[in-house]
Amino acid sequence: MRRMAAGANRTGLIIVGLLCLIVGVAVLSISLGLAPALAPGLTPDGQLQPVAAVLALPFSAVIALVVAVLLVVIGIRWLAAQVPRKDSAKPLRMQEDARTGVTTVNANVIAAAVVDDLELTPEVVDAQAILRGTARSPELLLHVDVDERADIDAVVADISDRVTHNCSQALGVPLSAVGVEIGIARSRQRKQRSVQL
């Protein structure tokens, strides 16, 4: 029920991988003697004069400090993205015309009503709901723990027929997406298993 940072991880790893590839190709071209065609002085046995000239500039320390601070900021941002988030919807605005008044509803209130509706099903032991998106395009994510002897097909049918219909009716618009995770509530000696639908 929590959103992980898989997309951010893939993007970051692609960027880091490309940078490492570029550095590796540059070092390999220097070691194989292919670099002098592009930059004279970049030979395996040379003193690397172009690189040394850049590092000898008076502002090279400032550039290195700026790059280090930038890398620290990127690293902290990346670590912050690893924290799982629920990403509930912002308060939903239920009227389109503000001249007649504005009614806003907190997404957690509707999610709590959906949980109460889910728990009316006899096989459901526990439930969690998260409402995401906007008032025009709401998305509903459900985690439902059912008894280990429950008919899962009947629970899923009840969710798709009754619970999502009631939620859509309360919001006044059809749900754009519904995600359901079914967990099997077992005894304390056994681990809980879940199936994503």
N, C-alpha and C. Protein backbone atom coordinates (compact mmCIF):
# COMPACT_ATOMS: atom_id res chain seq x y z
N MET A 1 0.81 -1.20 0.00
CA MET A 1 0.00 0.00 0.00
C MET A 1 0.85 1.27 0.00
N ARG A 2 2.14 1.13 0.10
CA ARG A 2 3.02 2.29 0.07
C ARG A 2 3.75 2.35 -1.26
N ARG A 3 3.94 3.56 -1.77
CA ARG A 3 4.62 3.71 -3.04
C ARG A 3 6.12 3.76 -2.80
N MET A 4 6.84 2.90 -3.49
CA MET A 4 8.29 2.86 -3.36
C MET A 4 8.92 3.68 -4.49
N ALA A 5 10.22 3.91 -4.35
CA ALA A 5 10.92 4.78 -5.30
C ALA A 5 11.61 4.00 -6.40
N ALA A 6 10.92 3.02 -6.97
CA ALA A 6 11.55 2.18 -8.00
C ALA A 6 11.91 2.99 -9.24
N GLY A 7 11.03 3.87 -9.68
CA GLY A 7 11.31 4.68 -10.85
C GLY A 7 12.48 5.62 -10.64
N ALA A 8 12.53 6.24 -9.45
CA ALA A 8 13.65 7.14 -9.14
C ALA A 8 14.95 6.36 -9.07
N ASN A 9 14.89 5.14 -8.52
CA ASN A 9 16.10 4.32 -8.45
C ASN A 9 16.60 3.97 -9.84
N ARG A 10 15.70 3.57 -10.71
CA ARG A 10 16.13 3.21 -12.06
C ARG A 10 16.73 4.41 -12.78
N THR A 11 16.09 5.57 -12.65
CA THR A 11 16.62 6.77 -13.30
C THR A 11 17.99 7.12 -12.76
N GLY A 12 18.13 7.10 -11.44
CA GLY A 12 19.42 7.43 -10.83
C GLY A 12 20.50 6.44 -11.22
N LEU A 13 20.15 5.17 -11.25
CA LEU A 13 21.15 4.17 -11.61
C LEU A 13 21.55 4.27 -13.08
N ILE A 14 20.61 4.64 -13.95
CA ILE A 14 20.94 4.85 -15.36
C ILE A 14 21.91 6.01 -15.50
N ILE A 15 21.65 7.10 -14.79
CA ILE A 15 22.54 8.27 -14.86
C ILE A 15 23.93 7.92 -14.35
N VAL A 16 23.99 7.27 -13.17
CA VAL A 16 25.29 6.88 -12.60
C VAL A 16 26.00 5.91 -13.54
N GLY A 17 25.27 4.97 -14.11
CA GLY A 17 25.88 4.01 -15.04
C GLY A 17 26.44 4.68 -16.28
N LEU A 18 25.70 5.65 -16.83
CA LEU A 18 26.20 6.37 -18.01
C LEU A 18 27.45 7.18 -17.69
N LEU A 19 27.46 7.83 -16.52
CA LEU A 19 28.65 8.59 -16.12
C LEU A 19 29.85 7.66 -15.95
N CYS A 20 29.65 6.52 -15.31
CA CYS A 20 30.75 5.56 -15.14
C CYS A 20 31.21 5.02 -16.50
N LEU A 21 30.27 4.81 -17.41
CA LEU A 21 30.64 4.34 -18.74
C LEU A 21 31.48 5.38 -19.48
N ILE A 22 31.09 6.64 -19.39
CA ILE A 22 31.86 7.71 -20.05
C ILE A 22 33.26 7.81 -19.47
N VAL A 23 33.36 7.77 -18.13
CA VAL A 23 34.68 7.84 -17.50
C VAL A 23 35.51 6.62 -17.88
N GLY A 24 34.89 5.45 -17.91
CA GLY A 24 35.62 4.24 -18.28
C GLY A 24 36.11 4.27 -19.72
N VAL A 25 35.27 4.75 -20.62
CA VAL A 25 35.69 4.85 -22.02
C VAL A 25 36.84 5.86 -22.17
N ALA A 26 36.76 6.97 -21.42
CA ALA A 26 37.83 7.98 -21.49
C ALA A 26 39.15 7.41 -20.98
N VAL A 27 39.11 6.70 -19.84
CA VAL A 27 40.34 6.11 -19.29
C VAL A 27 40.87 5.04 -20.23
N LEU A 28 39.99 4.24 -20.80
CA LEU A 28 40.41 3.20 -21.73
C LEU A 28 41.03 3.80 -22.99
N SER A 29 40.45 4.88 -23.50
CA SER A 29 41.02 5.50 -24.69
C SER A 29 42.38 6.12 -24.40
N ILE A 30 42.57 6.65 -23.19
CA ILE A 30 43.89 7.18 -22.82
C ILE A 30 44.90 6.05 -22.73
N SER A 31 44.49 4.95 -22.10
CA SER A 31 45.44 3.84 -21.92
C SER A 31 45.78 3.15 -23.23
N LEU A 32 44.88 3.16 -24.19
CA LEU A 32 45.15 2.53 -25.48
C LEU A 32 45.81 3.50 -26.47
N GLY A 33 45.99 4.74 -26.06
CA GLY A 33 46.64 5.72 -26.92
C GLY A 33 45.74 6.29 -27.98
N LEU A 34 44.43 6.21 -27.81
CA LEU A 34 43.50 6.75 -28.79
C LEU A 34 43.12 8.21 -28.51
N ALA A 35 43.44 8.71 -27.33
CA ALA A 35 43.04 10.06 -26.93
C ALA A 35 43.82 11.17 -27.60
N PRO A 36 45.10 10.99 -27.96
CA PRO A 36 45.83 12.14 -28.55
C PRO A 36 45.19 12.71 -29.80
N ALA A 37 44.40 11.93 -30.51
CA ALA A 37 43.74 12.46 -31.69
C ALA A 37 42.72 13.54 -31.31
N LEU A 38 42.08 13.38 -30.15
CA LEU A 38 41.11 14.36 -29.69
C LEU A 38 41.75 15.46 -28.85
N ALA A 39 42.65 15.09 -27.96
CA ALA A 39 43.31 16.06 -27.08
C ALA A 39 44.79 15.74 -27.03
N PRO A 40 45.61 16.53 -27.67
CA PRO A 40 47.05 16.25 -27.64
C PRO A 40 47.59 16.31 -26.22
N GLY A 41 48.45 15.41 -25.91
CA GLY A 41 49.02 15.35 -24.56
C GLY A 41 48.40 14.29 -23.68
N LEU A 42 47.26 13.72 -24.10
CA LEU A 42 46.62 12.66 -23.31
C LEU A 42 47.16 11.31 -23.79
N THR A 43 48.36 10.99 -23.37
CA THR A 43 48.97 9.71 -23.72
C THR A 43 49.21 8.94 -22.45
N PRO A 44 49.32 7.60 -22.55
CA PRO A 44 49.53 6.81 -21.33
C PRO A 44 50.80 7.20 -20.58
N ASP A 45 51.85 7.60 -21.29
CA ASP A 45 53.10 7.93 -20.62
C ASP A 45 53.29 9.43 -20.46
N GLY A 46 52.33 10.22 -20.91
CA GLY A 46 52.45 11.66 -20.82
C GLY A 46 52.12 12.17 -19.42
N GLN A 47 52.28 13.46 -19.22
CA GLN A 47 52.01 14.08 -17.93
C GLN A 47 50.56 14.57 -17.82
N LEU A 48 49.75 14.25 -18.81
CA LEU A 48 48.36 14.67 -18.85
C LEU A 48 48.25 16.19 -18.70
N GLN A 49 48.96 16.90 -19.56
CA GLN A 49 49.05 18.35 -19.47
C GLN A 49 47.69 19.05 -19.53
N PRO A 50 46.76 18.65 -20.40
CA PRO A 50 45.46 19.37 -20.40
C PRO A 50 44.72 19.23 -19.07
N VAL A 51 44.76 18.03 -18.49
CA VAL A 51 44.08 17.83 -17.20
C VAL A 51 44.81 18.60 -16.12
N ALA A 52 46.14 18.55 -16.11
CA ALA A 52 46.92 19.27 -15.11
C ALA A 52 46.71 20.77 -15.23
N ALA A 53 46.56 21.27 -16.46
CA ALA A 53 46.35 22.70 -16.65
C ALA A 53 45.01 23.13 -16.07
N VAL A 54 43.99 22.31 -16.25
CA VAL A 54 42.68 22.65 -15.68
C VAL A 54 42.73 22.62 -14.16
N LEU A 55 43.38 21.61 -13.58
CA LEU A 55 43.45 21.50 -12.13
C LEU A 55 44.33 22.57 -11.51
N ALA A 56 45.20 23.21 -12.29
CA ALA A 56 46.08 24.24 -11.76
C ALA A 56 45.41 25.62 -11.76
N LEU A 57 44.23 25.74 -12.34
CA LEU A 57 43.54 27.03 -12.37
C LEU A 57 43.17 27.46 -10.96
N PRO A 58 43.16 28.77 -10.68
CA PRO A 58 42.89 29.23 -9.31
C PRO A 58 41.48 28.91 -8.83
N PHE A 59 40.51 28.79 -9.75
CA PHE A 59 39.13 28.51 -9.32
C PHE A 59 38.77 27.03 -9.40
N SER A 60 39.74 26.15 -9.64
CA SER A 60 39.43 24.72 -9.73
C SER A 60 38.98 24.17 -8.38
N ALA A 61 39.48 24.71 -7.27
CA ALA A 61 39.04 24.26 -5.94
C ALA A 61 37.58 24.63 -5.71
N VAL A 62 37.17 25.81 -6.19
CA VAL A 62 35.77 26.23 -6.05
C VAL A 62 34.87 25.32 -6.88
N ILE A 63 35.31 24.98 -8.08
CA ILE A 63 34.53 24.08 -8.93
C ILE A 63 34.39 22.71 -8.26
N ALA A 64 35.48 22.22 -7.69
CA ALA A 64 35.43 20.92 -7.00
C ALA A 64 34.48 20.99 -5.80
N LEU A 65 34.49 22.10 -5.06
CA LEU A 65 33.60 22.26 -3.92
C LEU A 65 32.14 22.32 -4.37
N VAL A 66 31.86 23.03 -5.44
CA VAL A 66 30.48 23.12 -5.96
C VAL A 66 30.00 21.74 -6.42
N VAL A 67 30.87 21.01 -7.11
CA VAL A 67 30.50 19.65 -7.56
C VAL A 67 30.24 18.75 -6.36
N ALA A 68 31.07 18.86 -5.32
CA ALA A 68 30.88 18.03 -4.12
C ALA A 68 29.56 18.36 -3.43
N VAL A 69 29.25 19.66 -3.30
CA VAL A 69 27.97 20.05 -2.67
C VAL A 69 26.80 19.55 -3.51
N LEU A 70 26.92 19.66 -4.83
CA LEU A 70 25.87 19.17 -5.71
C LEU A 70 25.66 17.67 -5.56
N LEU A 71 26.74 16.92 -5.47
CA LEU A 71 26.63 15.47 -5.27
C LEU A 71 26.01 15.13 -3.92
N VAL A 72 26.33 15.91 -2.88
CA VAL A 72 25.73 15.68 -1.55
C VAL A 72 24.23 15.94 -1.61
N VAL A 73 23.82 17.02 -2.27
CA VAL A 73 22.39 17.33 -2.38
C VAL A 73 21.66 16.23 -3.16
N ILE A 74 22.26 15.78 -4.25
CA ILE A 74 21.65 14.69 -5.03
C ILE A 74 21.55 13.42 -4.19
N GLY A 75 22.61 13.13 -3.41
CA GLY A 75 22.59 11.93 -2.56
C GLY A 75 21.52 12.01 -1.49
N ILE A 76 21.37 13.18 -0.85
CA ILE A 76 20.34 13.33 0.19
C ILE A 76 18.95 13.24 -0.42
N ARG A 77 18.77 13.83 -1.60
CA ARG A 77 17.47 13.76 -2.28
C ARG A 77 17.14 12.31 -2.65
N TRP A 78 18.15 11.59 -3.09
CA TRP A 78 17.95 10.20 -3.45
C TRP A 78 17.58 9.36 -2.22
N LEU A 79 18.27 9.61 -1.10
CA LEU A 79 17.93 8.89 0.13
C LEU A 79 16.51 9.23 0.59
N ALA A 80 16.12 10.49 0.47
CA ALA A 80 14.77 10.88 0.87
C ALA A 80 13.71 10.20 0.00
N ALA A 81 14.05 9.96 -1.26
CA ALA A 81 13.09 9.29 -2.16
C ALA A 81 12.91 7.82 -1.81
N GLN A 82 13.80 7.25 -1.00
CA GLN A 82 13.69 5.84 -0.65
C GLN A 82 12.64 5.59 0.43
N VAL A 83 12.22 6.64 1.12
CA VAL A 83 11.23 6.47 2.18
C VAL A 83 9.88 6.17 1.53
N PRO A 84 9.25 5.05 1.90
CA PRO A 84 7.95 4.72 1.30
C PRO A 84 6.90 5.77 1.65
N ARG A 85 6.07 6.12 0.67
CA ARG A 85 5.04 7.13 0.87
C ARG A 85 3.68 6.56 0.52
N LYS A 86 2.68 7.03 1.25
CA LYS A 86 1.32 6.59 0.95
C LYS A 86 0.70 7.39 -0.18
N ASP A 87 1.07 8.63 -0.32
CA ASP A 87 0.58 9.50 -1.39
C ASP A 87 -0.94 9.54 -1.46
N SER A 88 -1.56 9.88 -0.35
CA SER A 88 -3.01 10.08 -0.39
C SER A 88 -3.32 11.31 -1.22
N ALA A 89 -4.54 11.35 -1.71
CA ALA A 89 -4.96 12.49 -2.52
C ALA A 89 -5.07 13.73 -1.65
N LYS A 90 -4.92 14.88 -2.28
CA LYS A 90 -5.16 16.15 -1.60
C LYS A 90 -6.66 16.26 -1.36
N PRO A 91 -7.09 17.19 -0.50
CA PRO A 91 -8.54 17.35 -0.32
C PRO A 91 -9.25 17.54 -1.66
N LEU A 92 -10.32 16.78 -1.83
CA LEU A 92 -11.03 16.74 -3.10
C LEU A 92 -12.06 17.87 -3.16
N ARG A 93 -12.03 18.63 -4.24
CA ARG A 93 -13.00 19.71 -4.44
C ARG A 93 -14.19 19.12 -5.19
N MET A 94 -15.35 19.17 -4.58
CA MET A 94 -16.50 18.45 -5.11
C MET A 94 -17.38 19.29 -6.05
N GLN A 95 -17.20 20.63 -6.10
CA GLN A 95 -17.97 21.45 -7.02
C GLN A 95 -17.06 22.00 -8.10
N GLU A 96 -17.61 22.14 -9.29
CA GLU A 96 -16.83 22.72 -10.39
C GLU A 96 -16.95 24.24 -10.41
N ASP A 97 -18.06 24.77 -9.94
CA ASP A 97 -18.29 26.21 -9.99
C ASP A 97 -18.16 26.78 -8.58
N ALA A 98 -17.15 27.61 -8.35
CA ALA A 98 -16.91 28.17 -7.03
C ALA A 98 -17.93 29.24 -6.65
N ARG A 99 -18.70 29.74 -7.64
CA ARG A 99 -19.69 30.80 -7.34
C ARG A 99 -20.83 30.27 -6.48
N THR A 100 -21.13 28.98 -6.57
CA THR A 100 -22.23 28.42 -5.78
C THR A 100 -21.74 27.84 -4.46
N GLY A 101 -20.45 28.00 -4.16
CA GLY A 101 -19.89 27.45 -2.93
C GLY A 101 -18.90 26.35 -3.24
N VAL A 102 -18.04 26.10 -2.31
CA VAL A 102 -17.00 25.08 -2.51
C VAL A 102 -17.09 24.08 -1.37
N THR A 103 -17.16 22.82 -1.73
CA THR A 103 -17.13 21.75 -0.75
C THR A 103 -15.89 20.91 -1.00
N THR A 104 -15.07 20.77 0.02
CA THR A 104 -13.90 19.91 -0.09
C THR A 104 -14.04 18.76 0.88
N VAL A 105 -13.54 17.62 0.47
CA VAL A 105 -13.60 16.41 1.29
C VAL A 105 -12.19 15.85 1.41
N ASN A 106 -11.79 15.56 2.61
CA ASN A 106 -10.48 14.95 2.83
C ASN A 106 -10.52 13.51 2.30
N ALA A 107 -9.48 13.13 1.57
CA ALA A 107 -9.44 11.79 0.98
C ALA A 107 -9.43 10.70 2.04
N ASN A 108 -8.85 11.01 3.21
CA ASN A 108 -8.81 10.00 4.29
C ASN A 108 -10.21 9.68 4.82
N VAL A 109 -11.11 10.65 4.76
CA VAL A 109 -12.49 10.41 5.23
C VAL A 109 -13.17 9.40 4.32
N ILE A 110 -13.01 9.58 3.00
CA ILE A 110 -13.61 8.64 2.05
C ILE A 110 -12.94 7.27 2.17
N ALA A 111 -11.61 7.26 2.37
CA ALA A 111 -10.90 5.99 2.52
C ALA A 111 -11.38 5.25 3.77
N ALA A 112 -11.64 5.99 4.85
CA ALA A 112 -12.15 5.34 6.07
C ALA A 112 -13.54 4.76 5.83
N ALA A 113 -14.37 5.47 5.06
CA ALA A 113 -15.71 4.94 4.74
C ALA A 113 -15.60 3.69 3.88
N VAL A 114 -14.64 3.66 2.96
CA VAL A 114 -14.43 2.47 2.13
C VAL A 114 -14.00 1.30 3.00
N VAL A 115 -13.12 1.55 3.98
CA VAL A 115 -12.69 0.49 4.89
C VAL A 115 -13.87 -0.06 5.67
N ASP A 116 -14.73 0.83 6.18
CA ASP A 116 -15.93 0.38 6.90
C ASP A 116 -16.82 -0.46 5.99
N ASP A 117 -16.94 -0.04 4.73
CA ASP A 117 -17.74 -0.79 3.77
C ASP A 117 -17.13 -2.16 3.49
N LEU A 118 -15.81 -2.20 3.37
CA LEU A 118 -15.12 -3.49 3.13
C LEU A 118 -15.31 -4.45 4.29
N GLU A 119 -15.26 -3.93 5.49
CA GLU A 119 -15.35 -4.81 6.67
C GLU A 119 -16.75 -5.35 6.90
N LEU A 120 -17.73 -4.90 6.09
CA LEU A 120 -19.06 -5.51 6.16
C LEU A 120 -19.08 -6.89 5.53
N THR A 121 -18.10 -7.17 4.66
CA THR A 121 -18.02 -8.50 4.06
C THR A 121 -17.58 -9.49 5.14
N PRO A 122 -18.30 -10.59 5.33
CA PRO A 122 -18.00 -11.50 6.45
C PRO A 122 -16.59 -12.09 6.42
N GLU A 123 -16.03 -12.35 5.23
CA GLU A 123 -14.72 -12.99 5.15
C GLU A 123 -13.57 -12.02 5.41
N VAL A 124 -13.84 -10.72 5.39
CA VAL A 124 -12.78 -9.72 5.56
C VAL A 124 -12.46 -9.56 7.04
N VAL A 125 -11.17 -9.76 7.37
CA VAL A 125 -10.72 -9.62 8.75
C VAL A 125 -10.24 -8.20 9.01
N ASP A 126 -9.52 -7.61 8.06
CA ASP A 126 -8.98 -6.26 8.21
C ASP A 126 -8.86 -5.65 6.82
N ALA A 127 -8.88 -4.34 6.75
CA ALA A 127 -8.78 -3.66 5.46
C ALA A 127 -8.10 -2.32 5.61
N GLN A 128 -7.45 -1.90 4.54
CA GLN A 128 -6.85 -0.57 4.44
C GLN A 128 -7.19 -0.02 3.07
N ALA A 129 -7.39 1.29 3.00
CA ALA A 129 -7.72 1.93 1.72
C ALA A 129 -6.97 3.25 1.61
N ILE A 130 -6.52 3.54 0.40
CA ILE A 130 -5.88 4.81 0.09
C ILE A 130 -6.55 5.35 -1.16
N LEU A 131 -6.97 6.60 -1.10
CA LEU A 131 -7.57 7.27 -2.25
C LEU A 131 -6.54 8.24 -2.80
N ARG A 132 -6.21 8.09 -4.07
CA ARG A 132 -5.24 8.95 -4.74
C ARG A 132 -5.90 9.66 -5.90
N GLY A 133 -5.13 10.54 -6.52
CA GLY A 133 -5.62 11.22 -7.72
C GLY A 133 -6.36 12.50 -7.39
N THR A 134 -7.30 12.85 -8.26
CA THR A 134 -8.06 14.09 -8.12
C THR A 134 -9.54 13.76 -8.04
N ALA A 135 -10.36 14.80 -7.84
CA ALA A 135 -11.80 14.59 -7.76
C ALA A 135 -12.37 14.11 -9.10
N ARG A 136 -11.74 14.48 -10.21
CA ARG A 136 -12.21 14.04 -11.53
C ARG A 136 -11.67 12.69 -11.94
N SER A 137 -10.51 12.31 -11.37
CA SER A 137 -9.87 11.05 -11.75
C SER A 137 -9.33 10.35 -10.50
N PRO A 138 -10.22 9.85 -9.64
CA PRO A 138 -9.75 9.22 -8.40
C PRO A 138 -9.25 7.79 -8.63
N GLU A 139 -8.27 7.39 -7.83
CA GLU A 139 -7.73 6.03 -7.86
C GLU A 139 -7.86 5.46 -6.45
N LEU A 140 -8.24 4.22 -6.37
CA LEU A 140 -8.45 3.56 -5.08
C LEU A 140 -7.51 2.37 -4.96
N LEU A 141 -6.74 2.34 -3.87
CA LEU A 141 -5.86 1.22 -3.57
C LEU A 141 -6.36 0.55 -2.30
N LEU A 142 -6.51 -0.76 -2.37
CA LEU A 142 -7.07 -1.52 -1.25
C LEU A 142 -6.13 -2.64 -0.84
N HIS A 143 -6.00 -2.83 0.46
CA HIS A 143 -5.35 -4.02 1.01
C HIS A 143 -6.37 -4.67 1.91
N VAL A 144 -6.72 -5.90 1.60
CA VAL A 144 -7.77 -6.61 2.32
C VAL A 144 -7.21 -7.91 2.87
N ASP A 145 -7.31 -8.09 4.17
CA ASP A 145 -6.94 -9.35 4.81
C ASP A 145 -8.21 -10.18 4.99
N VAL A 146 -8.20 -11.38 4.44
CA VAL A 146 -9.37 -12.25 4.53
C VAL A 146 -9.02 -13.49 5.35
N ASP A 147 -10.05 -14.16 5.82
CA ASP A 147 -9.88 -15.41 6.55
C ASP A 147 -9.26 -16.45 5.61
N GLU A 148 -8.44 -17.34 6.16
CA GLU A 148 -7.75 -18.31 5.31
C GLU A 148 -8.70 -19.29 4.62
N ARG A 149 -9.92 -19.39 5.10
CA ARG A 149 -10.90 -20.28 4.47
C ARG A 149 -11.88 -19.52 3.56
N ALA A 150 -11.63 -18.25 3.35
CA ALA A 150 -12.56 -17.43 2.57
C ALA A 150 -12.47 -17.76 1.09
N ASP A 151 -13.57 -17.52 0.40
CA ASP A 151 -13.62 -17.65 -1.05
C ASP A 151 -13.13 -16.33 -1.64
N ILE A 152 -11.89 -16.32 -2.11
CA ILE A 152 -11.26 -15.08 -2.58
C ILE A 152 -12.00 -14.53 -3.80
N ASP A 153 -12.47 -15.40 -4.68
CA ASP A 153 -13.23 -14.93 -5.84
C ASP A 153 -14.47 -14.16 -5.42
N ALA A 154 -15.14 -14.65 -4.37
CA ALA A 154 -16.35 -13.96 -3.89
C ALA A 154 -15.99 -12.61 -3.27
N VAL A 155 -14.87 -12.55 -2.57
CA VAL A 155 -14.44 -11.27 -1.97
C VAL A 155 -14.09 -10.27 -3.06
N VAL A 156 -13.35 -10.71 -4.08
CA VAL A 156 -12.98 -9.82 -5.18
C VAL A 156 -14.23 -9.36 -5.93
N ALA A 157 -15.17 -10.26 -6.13
CA ALA A 157 -16.42 -9.89 -6.81
C ALA A 157 -17.20 -8.86 -5.99
N ASP A 158 -17.22 -9.04 -4.66
CA ASP A 158 -17.90 -8.09 -3.79
C ASP A 158 -17.23 -6.72 -3.85
N ILE A 159 -15.90 -6.72 -3.90
CA ILE A 159 -15.17 -5.46 -3.98
C ILE A 159 -15.48 -4.76 -5.31
N SER A 160 -15.41 -5.52 -6.40
CA SER A 160 -15.61 -4.89 -7.72
C SER A 160 -17.06 -4.47 -7.93
N ASP A 161 -18.02 -5.20 -7.37
CA ASP A 161 -19.43 -4.87 -7.60
C ASP A 161 -19.97 -3.85 -6.61
N ARG A 162 -19.74 -4.09 -5.32
CA ARG A 162 -20.39 -3.27 -4.30
C ARG A 162 -19.51 -2.13 -3.81
N VAL A 163 -18.28 -2.45 -3.38
CA VAL A 163 -17.44 -1.46 -2.70
C VAL A 163 -17.01 -0.35 -3.67
N THR A 164 -16.53 -0.73 -4.84
CA THR A 164 -16.10 0.29 -5.79
C THR A 164 -17.28 1.11 -6.30
N HIS A 165 -18.44 0.48 -6.45
CA HIS A 165 -19.64 1.21 -6.87
C HIS A 165 -20.03 2.24 -5.80
N ASN A 166 -20.00 1.84 -4.53
CA ASN A 166 -20.34 2.77 -3.45
C ASN A 166 -19.35 3.93 -3.38
N CYS A 167 -18.07 3.64 -3.59
CA CYS A 167 -17.06 4.69 -3.57
C CYS A 167 -17.26 5.65 -4.74
N SER A 168 -17.52 5.11 -5.92
CA SER A 168 -17.78 5.95 -7.09
C SER A 168 -19.00 6.83 -6.89
N GLN A 169 -20.03 6.25 -6.27
CA GLN A 169 -21.25 7.00 -6.04
C GLN A 169 -21.00 8.12 -5.03
N ALA A 170 -20.18 7.86 -4.01
CA ALA A 170 -19.87 8.90 -3.03
C ALA A 170 -19.06 10.03 -3.65
N LEU A 171 -18.15 9.68 -4.57
CA LEU A 171 -17.32 10.69 -5.21
C LEU A 171 -18.03 11.41 -6.35
N GLY A 172 -19.05 10.77 -6.91
CA GLY A 172 -19.79 11.37 -8.02
C GLY A 172 -19.14 11.17 -9.37
N VAL A 173 -18.05 10.42 -9.43
CA VAL A 173 -17.36 10.11 -10.69
C VAL A 173 -16.88 8.66 -10.62
N PRO A 174 -16.72 8.01 -11.78
CA PRO A 174 -16.19 6.64 -11.75
C PRO A 174 -14.70 6.65 -11.36
N LEU A 175 -14.27 5.58 -10.73
CA LEU A 175 -12.86 5.43 -10.36
C LEU A 175 -12.04 5.17 -11.61
N SER A 176 -10.92 5.89 -11.74
CA SER A 176 -10.08 5.68 -12.93
C SER A 176 -9.23 4.42 -12.79
N ALA A 177 -8.91 4.02 -11.57
CA ALA A 177 -8.12 2.80 -11.36
C ALA A 177 -8.41 2.26 -9.97
N VAL A 178 -8.38 0.93 -9.87
CA VAL A 178 -8.56 0.26 -8.58
C VAL A 178 -7.47 -0.80 -8.46
N GLY A 179 -6.72 -0.74 -7.38
CA GLY A 179 -5.70 -1.76 -7.09
C GLY A 179 -6.11 -2.51 -5.84
N VAL A 180 -6.05 -3.83 -5.90
CA VAL A 180 -6.46 -4.66 -4.76
C VAL A 180 -5.33 -5.62 -4.41
N GLU A 181 -4.99 -5.66 -3.14
CA GLU A 181 -4.04 -6.64 -2.63
C GLU A 181 -4.78 -7.46 -1.59
N ILE A 182 -4.83 -8.77 -1.81
CA ILE A 182 -5.52 -9.67 -0.89
C ILE A 182 -4.49 -10.34 -0.01
N GLY A 183 -4.65 -10.21 1.28
CA GLY A 183 -3.79 -10.90 2.24
C GLY A 183 -4.56 -12.00 2.93
N ILE A 184 -3.89 -13.09 3.20
CA ILE A 184 -4.50 -14.22 3.90
C ILE A 184 -4.14 -14.09 5.38
N ALA A 185 -5.15 -13.86 6.20
CA ALA A 185 -4.92 -13.75 7.64
C ALA A 185 -4.82 -15.15 8.21
N ARG A 186 -3.65 -15.49 8.72
CA ARG A 186 -3.41 -16.82 9.24
C ARG A 186 -3.24 -16.76 10.75
N SER A 187 -3.09 -17.90 11.35
CA SER A 187 -2.86 -17.94 12.79
C SER A 187 -1.49 -17.34 13.10
N ARG A 188 -1.20 -17.09 14.35
CA ARG A 188 0.05 -16.42 14.72
C ARG A 188 1.28 -17.27 14.41
N GLN A 189 1.11 -18.58 14.34
CA GLN A 189 2.25 -19.44 14.07
C GLN A 189 2.65 -19.40 12.60
N ARG A 190 1.74 -19.07 11.72
CA ARG A 190 2.01 -19.06 10.28
C ARG A 190 2.19 -17.64 9.79
N LYS A 191 2.96 -17.50 8.77
CA LYS A 191 3.18 -16.18 8.20
C LYS A 191 1.98 -15.79 7.34
N GLN A 192 1.79 -14.49 7.23
CA GLN A 192 0.72 -13.99 6.38
C GLN A 192 1.21 -13.95 4.93
N ARG A 193 0.39 -14.41 4.03
CA ARG A 193 0.74 -14.38 2.61
C ARG A 193 -0.20 -13.42 1.91
N SER A 194 0.28 -12.83 0.84
CA SER A 194 -0.57 -11.89 0.10
C SER A 194 -0.45 -12.16 -1.39
N VAL A 195 -1.51 -11.82 -2.08
CA VAL A 195 -1.58 -11.99 -3.52
C VAL A 195 -2.03 -10.66 -4.11
N GLN A 196 -1.34 -10.16 -5.13
CA GLN A 196 -1.75 -8.91 -5.75
C GLN A 196 -2.58 -9.20 -6.98
N LEU A 197 -3.67 -8.45 -7.12
CA LEU A 197 -4.59 -8.60 -8.25
C LEU A 197 -4.58 -7.36 -9.09
